[in-house]
C-alpha atoms as a PDB file:
ATOM      1  CA  MET A   1     139.886  80.938 148.301  1.00  0.00           C
ATOM      2  CA  LEU A   2     138.299  79.217 151.043  1.00  0.00           C
ATOM      3  CA  GLU A   3     136.897  81.173 154.063  1.00  0.00           C
ATOM      4  CA  LEU A   4     135.064  79.921 157.255  1.00  0.00           C
ATOM      5  CA  LEU A   5     132.231  81.965 158.424  1.00  0.00           C
ATOM      6  CA  LYS A   6     130.710  81.994 161.669  1.00  0.00           C
ATOM      7  CA  ARG A   7     127.982  83.381 162.947  1.00  0.00           C
ATOM      8  CA  ASN A   8     126.942  86.651 161.550  1.00  0.00           C
ATOM      9  CA  HIS A   9     126.688  86.588 157.706  1.00  0.00           C
ATOM     10  CA  TYR A  10     124.914  90.095 156.938  1.00  0.00           C
ATOM     11  CA  GLU A  11     128.669  91.586 156.281  1.00  0.00           C
ATOM     12  CA  LYS A  12     129.949  89.151 153.671  1.00  0.00           C
ATOM     13  CA  LEU A  13     126.439  88.908 152.202  1.00  0.00           C
ATOM     14  CA  MET A  14     126.117  92.599 151.991  1.00  0.00           C
ATOM     15  CA  ASP A  15     129.794  93.138 150.902  1.00  0.00           C
ATOM     16  CA  LEU A  16     129.325  90.708 148.247  1.00  0.00           C
ATOM     17  CA  THR A  17     125.873  91.711 147.184  1.00  0.00           C
ATOM     18  CA  SER A  18     127.245  95.278 146.436  1.00  0.00           C
ATOM     19  CA  SER A  19     130.149  94.091 144.516  1.00  0.00           C
ATOM     20  CA  ALA A  20     127.902  91.866 142.094  1.00  0.00           C
ATOM     21  CA  THR A  21     127.760  93.797 138.527  1.00  0.00           C
ATOM     22  CA  GLN A  22     125.721  91.084 136.633  1.00  0.00           C
ATOM     23  CA  SER A  23     124.096  88.516 138.888  1.00  0.00           C
ATOM     24  CA  ILE A  24     122.955  87.488 142.591  1.00  0.00           C
ATOM     25  CA  GLU A  25     121.836  84.128 142.923  1.00  0.00           C
ATOM     26  CA  CYS A  26     119.908  83.103 146.015  1.00  0.00           C
ATOM     27  CA  VAL A  27     118.728  80.045 147.336  1.00  0.00           C
ATOM     28  CA  SER A  28     116.949  79.340 150.552  1.00  0.00           C
ATOM     29  CA  PRO A  29     113.476  77.724 151.419  1.00  0.00           C
ATOM     30  CA  TYR A  30     112.690  80.581 154.199  1.00  0.00           C
ATOM     31  CA  VAL A  31     112.913  83.828 153.200  1.00  0.00           C
ATOM     32  CA  LYS A  32     112.048  87.258 155.210  1.00  0.00           C
ATOM     33  CA  THR A  33     111.316  90.321 154.102  1.00  0.00           C
ATOM     34  CA  ASP A  34     113.330  92.699 156.054  1.00  0.00           C
ATOM     35  CA  ALA A  35     116.169  90.593 154.742  1.00  0.00           C
ATOM     36  CA  ILE A  36     115.151  91.072 151.141  1.00  0.00           C
ATOM     37  CA  LYS A  37     114.928  94.510 151.473  1.00  0.00           C
ATOM     38  CA  SER A  38     118.276  94.736 153.588  1.00  0.00           C
ATOM     39  CA  LEU A  39     119.820  92.825 149.860  1.00  0.00           C
ATOM     40  CA  LEU A  40     118.174  94.832 147.560  1.00  0.00           C
ATOM     41  CA  SER A  41     119.302  97.930 149.315  1.00  0.00           C
ATOM     42  CA  TYR A  42     123.246  97.241 148.826  1.00  0.00           C
ATOM     43  CA  LYS A  43     122.227  95.584 145.063  1.00  0.00           C
ATOM     44  CA  LYS A  44     122.968  98.096 141.871  1.00  0.00           C
ATOM     45  CA  ALA A  45     120.658  98.681 139.688  1.00  0.00           C
ATOM     46  CA  ALA A  46     121.495  96.658 136.783  1.00  0.00           C
ATOM     47  CA  THR A  47     122.483  93.342 138.776  1.00  0.00           C
ATOM     48  CA  LYS A  48     119.998  90.441 137.941  1.00  0.00           C
ATOM     49  CA  LEU A  49     118.273  88.568 140.386  1.00  0.00           C
ATOM     50  CA  SER A  50     117.191  84.883 140.872  1.00  0.00           C
ATOM     51  CA  LEU A  51     115.878  83.397 144.126  1.00  0.00           C
ATOM     52  CA  VAL A  52     115.178  79.238 144.627  1.00  0.00           C
ATOM     53  CA  THR A  53     112.716  79.018 147.712  1.00  0.00           C
ATOM     54  CA  ASN A  54     110.135  76.674 149.067  1.00  0.00           C
ATOM     55  CA  PRO A  55     106.926  77.958 148.672  1.00  0.00           C
ATOM     56  CA  SER A  56     105.035  75.082 150.536  1.00  0.00           C
ATOM     57  CA  LEU A  57     102.035  76.195 151.813  1.00  0.00           C
ATOM     58  CA  ARG A  58     103.119  74.823 155.550  1.00  0.00           C
ATOM     59  CA  ASN A  59     106.266  77.327 155.435  1.00  0.00           C
ATOM     60  CA  ILE A  60     103.760  80.231 154.807  1.00  0.00           C
ATOM     61  CA  LEU A  61     101.450  79.441 157.232  1.00  0.00           C
ATOM     62  CA  SER A  62     104.296  79.498 159.734  1.00  0.00           C
ATOM     63  CA  GLN A  63     105.810  82.150 158.844  1.00  0.00           C
ATOM     64  CA  SER A  64     108.630  81.132 157.507  1.00  0.00           C
ATOM     65  CA  LEU A  65     108.332  82.501 154.096  1.00  0.00           C
ATOM     66  CA  ASP A  66     106.969  85.807 153.862  1.00  0.00           C
ATOM     67  CA  THR A  67     104.720  86.085 150.699  1.00  0.00           C
ATOM     68  CA  GLU A  68     105.493  89.800 150.518  1.00  0.00           C
ATOM     69  CA  ALA A  69     109.365  89.110 150.439  1.00  0.00           C
ATOM     70  CA  LEU A  70     108.668  87.299 147.267  1.00  0.00           C
ATOM     71  CA  SER A  71     106.337  89.784 146.028  1.00  0.00           C
ATOM     72  CA  THR A  72     109.327  92.714 146.744  1.00  0.00           C
ATOM     73  CA  TRP A  73     111.435  90.467 145.138  1.00  0.00           C
ATOM     74  CA  LEU A  74     109.535  90.195 141.685  1.00  0.00           C
ATOM     75  CA  GLY A  75     108.992  93.838 141.904  1.00  0.00           C
ATOM     76  CA  GLU A  76     112.712  94.397 141.425  1.00  0.00           C
ATOM     77  CA  ASN A  77     112.221  92.474 138.251  1.00  0.00           C
ATOM     78  CA  GLY A  78     113.877  89.125 140.009  1.00  0.00           C
ATOM     79  CA  ARG A  79     113.444  85.636 138.569  1.00  0.00           C
ATOM     80  CA  LEU A  80     111.425  83.474 141.303  1.00  0.00           C
ATOM     81  CA  PHE A  81     111.605  79.270 141.423  1.00  0.00           C
ATOM     82  CA  GLY A  82     109.860  77.234 143.743  1.00  0.00           C
ATOM     83  CA  TYR A  83     111.122  73.610 145.094  1.00  0.00           C
ATOM     84  CA  ALA A  84     108.960  71.626 147.055  1.00  0.00           C
ATOM     85  CA  THR A  85     111.598  69.685 149.210  1.00  0.00           C
ATOM     86  CA  LEU A  86     114.559  72.109 149.028  1.00  0.00           C
ATOM     87  CA  HIS A  87     116.661  72.561 152.196  1.00  0.00           C
ATOM     88  CA  ALA A  88     119.921  74.050 150.509  1.00  0.00           C
ATOM     89  CA  LYS A  89     121.186  77.714 151.151  1.00  0.00           C
ATOM     90  CA  ILE A  90     123.609  78.593 148.801  1.00  0.00           C
ATOM     91  CA  TYR A  91     124.502  82.268 147.508  1.00  0.00           C
ATOM     92  CA  LEU A  92     126.005  83.181 144.334  1.00  0.00           C
ATOM     93  CA  PHE A  93     127.656  86.725 142.820  1.00  0.00           C
ATOM     94  CA  ASP A  94     128.185  87.131 139.633  1.00  0.00           C
ATOM     95  CA  ARG A  95     129.125  83.317 139.773  1.00  0.00           C
ATOM     96  CA  LYS A  96     132.669  84.316 140.813  1.00  0.00           C
ATOM     97  CA  TYR A  97     131.816  83.801 144.720  1.00  0.00           C
ATOM     98  CA  GLY A  98     129.635  81.614 146.351  1.00  0.00           C
ATOM     99  CA  ILE A  99     128.464  80.800 149.906  1.00  0.00           C
ATOM    100  CA  VAL A 100     127.170  77.654 150.984  1.00  0.00           C
ATOM    101  CA  THR A 101     125.630  78.062 154.561  1.00  0.00           C
ATOM    102  CA  SER A 102     123.359  77.252 157.129  1.00  0.00           C
ATOM    103  CA  ALA A 103     121.935  80.469 157.172  1.00  0.00           C
ATOM    104  CA  ASN A 104     118.127  80.744 155.645  1.00  0.00           C
ATOM    105  CA  LEU A 105     117.787  84.568 153.998  1.00  0.00           C
ATOM    106  CA  THR A 106     116.233  85.712 157.214  1.00  0.00           C
ATOM    107  CA  ASN A 107     117.107  88.345 160.026  1.00  0.00           C
ATOM    108  CA  GLY A 108     117.981  85.202 162.511  1.00  0.00           C
ATOM    109  CA  GLY A 109     119.966  83.552 159.529  1.00  0.00           C
ATOM    110  CA  LEU A 110     121.604  86.490 158.480  1.00  0.00           C
ATOM    111  CA  HIS A 111     122.104  88.280 162.162  1.00  0.00           C
ATOM    112  CA  SER A 112     121.589  86.133 165.453  1.00  0.00           C
ATOM    113  CA  ASN A 113     121.440  82.521 165.071  1.00  0.00           C
ATOM    114  CA  LEU A 114     124.475  80.466 165.196  1.00  0.00           C
ATOM    115  CA  GLU A 115     125.302  79.880 161.839  1.00  0.00           C
ATOM    116  CA  CYS A 116     128.186  78.133 160.150  1.00  0.00           C
ATOM    117  CA  GLY A 117     129.296  78.769 156.392  1.00  0.00           C
ATOM    118  CA  VAL A 118     131.984  78.464 153.660  1.00  0.00           C
ATOM    119  CA  LEU A 119     132.803  81.615 151.247  1.00  0.00           C
ATOM    120  CA  PHE A 120     134.809  80.195 147.947  1.00  0.00           C
ATOM    121  CA  ASN A 121     135.788  81.782 145.156  1.00  0.00           C
ATOM    122  CA  VAL A 122     134.391  80.013 141.585  1.00  0.00           C
ATOM    123  CA  ILE A 123     137.339  78.810 139.252  1.00  0.00           C
ATOM    124  CA  ASN A 124     136.280  78.868 135.685  1.00  0.00           C
ATOM    125  CA  SER A 125     138.085  76.211 133.832  1.00  0.00           C
END
């Protein structure tokens, strides 16, 4: 299954978040608190969290990456990884479904920016 996602990624991302029972893995260089809180409000309690982001001083000073968002993620026992040259945006749910997209984990990326992505299901061999 492949589905082209245009514009608003929010509904699809939250639908997949609410159905995930094992893991949610997010890769996004820019992360904002409001987007993290929205995602966490749909997450099941037992679902494990991982986030890969770009915690550069430049991203923090430009407010592209909220330290409060990272604290909120860690407060939910989420795992956090930093990668200095990260540009990718990938979201995986139970390693069954994934989204590769241009959308960061921000309100702009999920709601208002013109973004494009592909939703796919992972086929285990």
